[in-house]
Amino acid sequence: MARDAWAYREVAVESAPDPRSGALRIRPMAGQAFATSMRVQCARALSDPARYPAGTRFLLSVKITDRQGGEPFLYAWHGDPVRILTKAQARVFLEQYRRLRL
């Protein structure tokens, strides 16, 4: 089945320690249309602390989905290239996002 490119959009995400388990998890950055508590399904390498320390920011192409009526989550195809954002790049992306929403 072909991937529907129109269903995907760019979202800035960051790695953060899970308060319950302490493991790194990927979550949307604040200031976008998605809650920071929303689950993100992506390549496991992004939450590997040996590769990317906590607080690393990424730009992912994601779509919102759910499984059989479950809780909605963001899905990023594992084969997409990984784009790491610096703090300044993330700020610029979020500012552009805010301008586009108005």
C-alpha atoms as a PDB file:
ATOM      1  CA  MET A   1       0.000   0.000   0.000  1.00  0.00           C
ATOM      2  CA  ALA A   2       1.359   3.410  -0.956  1.00  0.00           C
ATOM      3  CA  ARG A   3       1.937   6.088   1.642  1.00  0.00           C
ATOM      4  CA  ASP A   4      -0.515   9.013   1.397  1.00  0.00           C
ATOM      5  CA  ALA A   5       1.824  12.021   1.323  1.00  0.00           C
ATOM      6  CA  TRP A   6      -1.063  14.489   1.777  1.00  0.00           C
ATOM      7  CA  ALA A   7      -1.902  13.016   5.204  1.00  0.00           C
ATOM      8  CA  TYR A   8       1.538  13.872   6.633  1.00  0.00           C
ATOM      9  CA  ARG A   9       2.669  17.204   8.085  1.00  0.00           C
ATOM     10  CA  GLU A  10       5.835  18.417   9.753  1.00  0.00           C
ATOM     11  CA  VAL A  11       5.833  18.501  13.543  1.00  0.00           C
ATOM     12  CA  ALA A  12       8.639  19.457  15.920  1.00  0.00           C
ATOM     13  CA  VAL A  13       9.159  16.799  18.596  1.00  0.00           C
ATOM     14  CA  GLU A  14      11.629  16.331  21.433  1.00  0.00           C
ATOM     15  CA  SER A  15      12.939  13.474  23.543  1.00  0.00           C
ATOM     16  CA  ALA A  16      12.108  13.631  27.235  1.00  0.00           C
ATOM     17  CA  PRO A  17      12.354  11.180  30.139  1.00  0.00           C
ATOM     18  CA  ASP A  18       9.103   9.409  30.967  1.00  0.00           C
ATOM     19  CA  PRO A  19       8.184  10.301  34.587  1.00  0.00           C
ATOM     20  CA  ARG A  20       7.032   6.746  35.336  1.00  0.00           C
ATOM     21  CA  SER A  21       9.760   4.617  33.756  1.00  0.00           C
ATOM     22  CA  GLY A  22      12.614   7.078  33.273  1.00  0.00           C
ATOM     23  CA  ALA A  23      13.086   5.882  29.684  1.00  0.00           C
ATOM     24  CA  LEU A  24      13.255   8.464  26.915  1.00  0.00           C
ATOM     25  CA  ARG A  25      10.094   9.020  24.925  1.00  0.00           C
ATOM     26  CA  ILE A  26       9.303  11.273  21.996  1.00  0.00           C
ATOM     27  CA  ARG A  27       6.644  13.952  22.448  1.00  0.00           C
ATOM     28  CA  PRO A  28       5.418  16.976  20.461  1.00  0.00           C
ATOM     29  CA  MET A  29       6.970  20.295  21.443  1.00  0.00           C
ATOM     30  CA  ALA A  30       4.710  22.875  23.061  1.00  0.00           C
ATOM     31  CA  GLY A  31       3.187  25.577  20.846  1.00  0.00           C
ATOM     32  CA  GLN A  32       1.715  23.309  18.181  1.00  0.00           C
ATOM     33  CA  ALA A  33      -1.715  21.826  17.595  1.00  0.00           C
ATOM     34  CA  PHE A  34      -0.853  18.676  19.566  1.00  0.00           C
ATOM     35  CA  ALA A  35      -0.648  18.198  23.318  1.00  0.00           C
ATOM     36  CA  THR A  36       2.795  17.438  24.717  1.00  0.00           C
ATOM     37  CA  SER A  37       1.277  14.342  26.331  1.00  0.00           C
ATOM     38  CA  MET A  38       0.278  12.886  22.937  1.00  0.00           C
ATOM     39  CA  ARG A  39       2.049   9.646  22.059  1.00  0.00           C
ATOM     40  CA  VAL A  40       4.400   9.628  19.057  1.00  0.00           C
ATOM     41  CA  GLN A  41       5.204   6.364  17.282  1.00  0.00           C
ATOM     42  CA  CYS A  42       8.487   6.641  15.398  1.00  0.00           C
ATOM     43  CA  ALA A  43      11.832   4.885  14.893  1.00  0.00           C
ATOM     44  CA  ARG A  44      13.247   3.507  18.148  1.00  0.00           C
ATOM     45  CA  ALA A  45      16.627   5.045  17.387  1.00  0.00           C
ATOM     46  CA  LEU A  46      15.221   8.500  18.247  1.00  0.00           C
ATOM     47  CA  SER A  47      14.660   7.462  21.862  1.00  0.00           C
ATOM     48  CA  ASP A  48      18.063   5.780  22.237  1.00  0.00           C
ATOM     49  CA  PRO A  49      20.052   7.821  24.803  1.00  0.00           C
ATOM     50  CA  ALA A  50      23.332   6.506  23.383  1.00  0.00           C
ATOM     51  CA  ARG A  51      22.553   8.203  20.040  1.00  0.00           C
ATOM     52  CA  TYR A  52      20.499  11.225  21.083  1.00  0.00           C
ATOM     53  CA  PRO A  53      20.548  12.619  24.645  1.00  0.00           C
ATOM     54  CA  ALA A  54      17.409  13.791  26.441  1.00  0.00           C
ATOM     55  CA  GLY A  55      16.168  17.112  25.093  1.00  0.00           C
ATOM     56  CA  THR A  56      17.154  16.459  21.470  1.00  0.00           C
ATOM     57  CA  ARG A  57      14.696  18.090  19.069  1.00  0.00           C
ATOM     58  CA  PHE A  58      13.631  16.547  15.760  1.00  0.00           C
ATOM     59  CA  LEU A  59      11.494  17.581  12.806  1.00  0.00           C
ATOM     60  CA  LEU A  60       9.294  14.642  11.798  1.00  0.00           C
ATOM     61  CA  SER A  61       6.760  14.122   9.064  1.00  0.00           C
ATOM     62  CA  VAL A  62       3.766  12.659  10.928  1.00  0.00           C
ATOM     63  CA  LYS A  63       0.099  11.891  10.531  1.00  0.00           C
ATOM     64  CA  ILE A  64      -2.523  11.645  13.247  1.00  0.00           C
ATOM     65  CA  THR A  65      -4.040   8.190  13.532  1.00  0.00           C
ATOM     66  CA  ASP A  66      -5.619   5.727  15.945  1.00  0.00           C
ATOM     67  CA  ARG A  67      -5.935   1.970  16.120  1.00  0.00           C
ATOM     68  CA  GLN A  68      -9.467   0.625  16.012  1.00  0.00           C
ATOM     69  CA  GLY A  69     -11.004   3.600  17.759  1.00  0.00           C
ATOM     70  CA  GLY A  70      -8.304   3.884  20.418  1.00  0.00           C
ATOM     71  CA  GLU A  71      -6.499   6.964  21.669  1.00  0.00           C
ATOM     72  CA  PRO A  72      -5.205   9.168  18.784  1.00  0.00           C
ATOM     73  CA  PHE A  73      -1.428   9.334  18.337  1.00  0.00           C
ATOM     74  CA  LEU A  74       1.131  10.726  15.902  1.00  0.00           C
ATOM     75  CA  TYR A  75       2.738   8.244  13.512  1.00  0.00           C
ATOM     76  CA  ALA A  76       6.061   8.869  11.752  1.00  0.00           C
ATOM     77  CA  TRP A  77       7.202   6.333   9.170  1.00  0.00           C
ATOM     78  CA  HIS A  78      10.460   4.751  10.365  1.00  0.00           C
ATOM     79  CA  GLY A  79      12.113   5.078   6.931  1.00  0.00           C
ATOM     80  CA  ASP A  80      11.928   8.878   6.741  1.00  0.00           C
ATOM     81  CA  PRO A  81      15.193  10.777   7.173  1.00  0.00           C
ATOM     82  CA  VAL A  82      15.888  12.141  10.658  1.00  0.00           C
ATOM     83  CA  ARG A  83      16.296  15.918  10.881  1.00  0.00           C
ATOM     84  CA  ILE A  84      17.759  17.190  14.139  1.00  0.00           C
ATOM     85  CA  LEU A  85      16.806  20.733  15.134  1.00  0.00           C
ATOM     86  CA  THR A  86      18.952  23.118  17.114  1.00  0.00           C
ATOM     87  CA  LYS A  87      17.237  25.267  19.719  1.00  0.00           C
ATOM     88  CA  ALA A  88      17.258  28.226  17.301  1.00  0.00           C
ATOM     89  CA  GLN A  89      15.865  26.147  14.410  1.00  0.00           C
ATOM     90  CA  ALA A  90      13.082  24.806  16.636  1.00  0.00           C
ATOM     91  CA  ARG A  91      12.191  28.352  17.720  1.00  0.00           C
ATOM     92  CA  VAL A  92      12.051  29.521  14.074  1.00  0.00           C
ATOM     93  CA  PHE A  93       9.893  26.522  13.095  1.00  0.00           C
ATOM     94  CA  LEU A  94       7.445  27.153  15.943  1.00  0.00           C
ATOM     95  CA  GLU A  95       7.245  30.879  15.082  1.00  0.00           C
ATOM     96  CA  GLN A  96       6.477  30.044  11.439  1.00  0.00           C
ATOM     97  CA  TYR A  97       3.843  27.564  12.617  1.00  0.00           C
ATOM     98  CA  ARG A  98       2.178  30.257  14.738  1.00  0.00           C
ATOM     99  CA  ARG A  99       2.119  32.688  11.800  1.00  0.00           C
ATOM    100  CA  LEU A 100       0.559  30.089   9.502  1.00  0.00           C
ATOM    101  CA  ARG A 101      -2.217  29.390  12.027  1.00  0.00           C
ATOM    102  CA  LEU A 102      -3.405  33.018  12.094  1.00  0.00           C
END
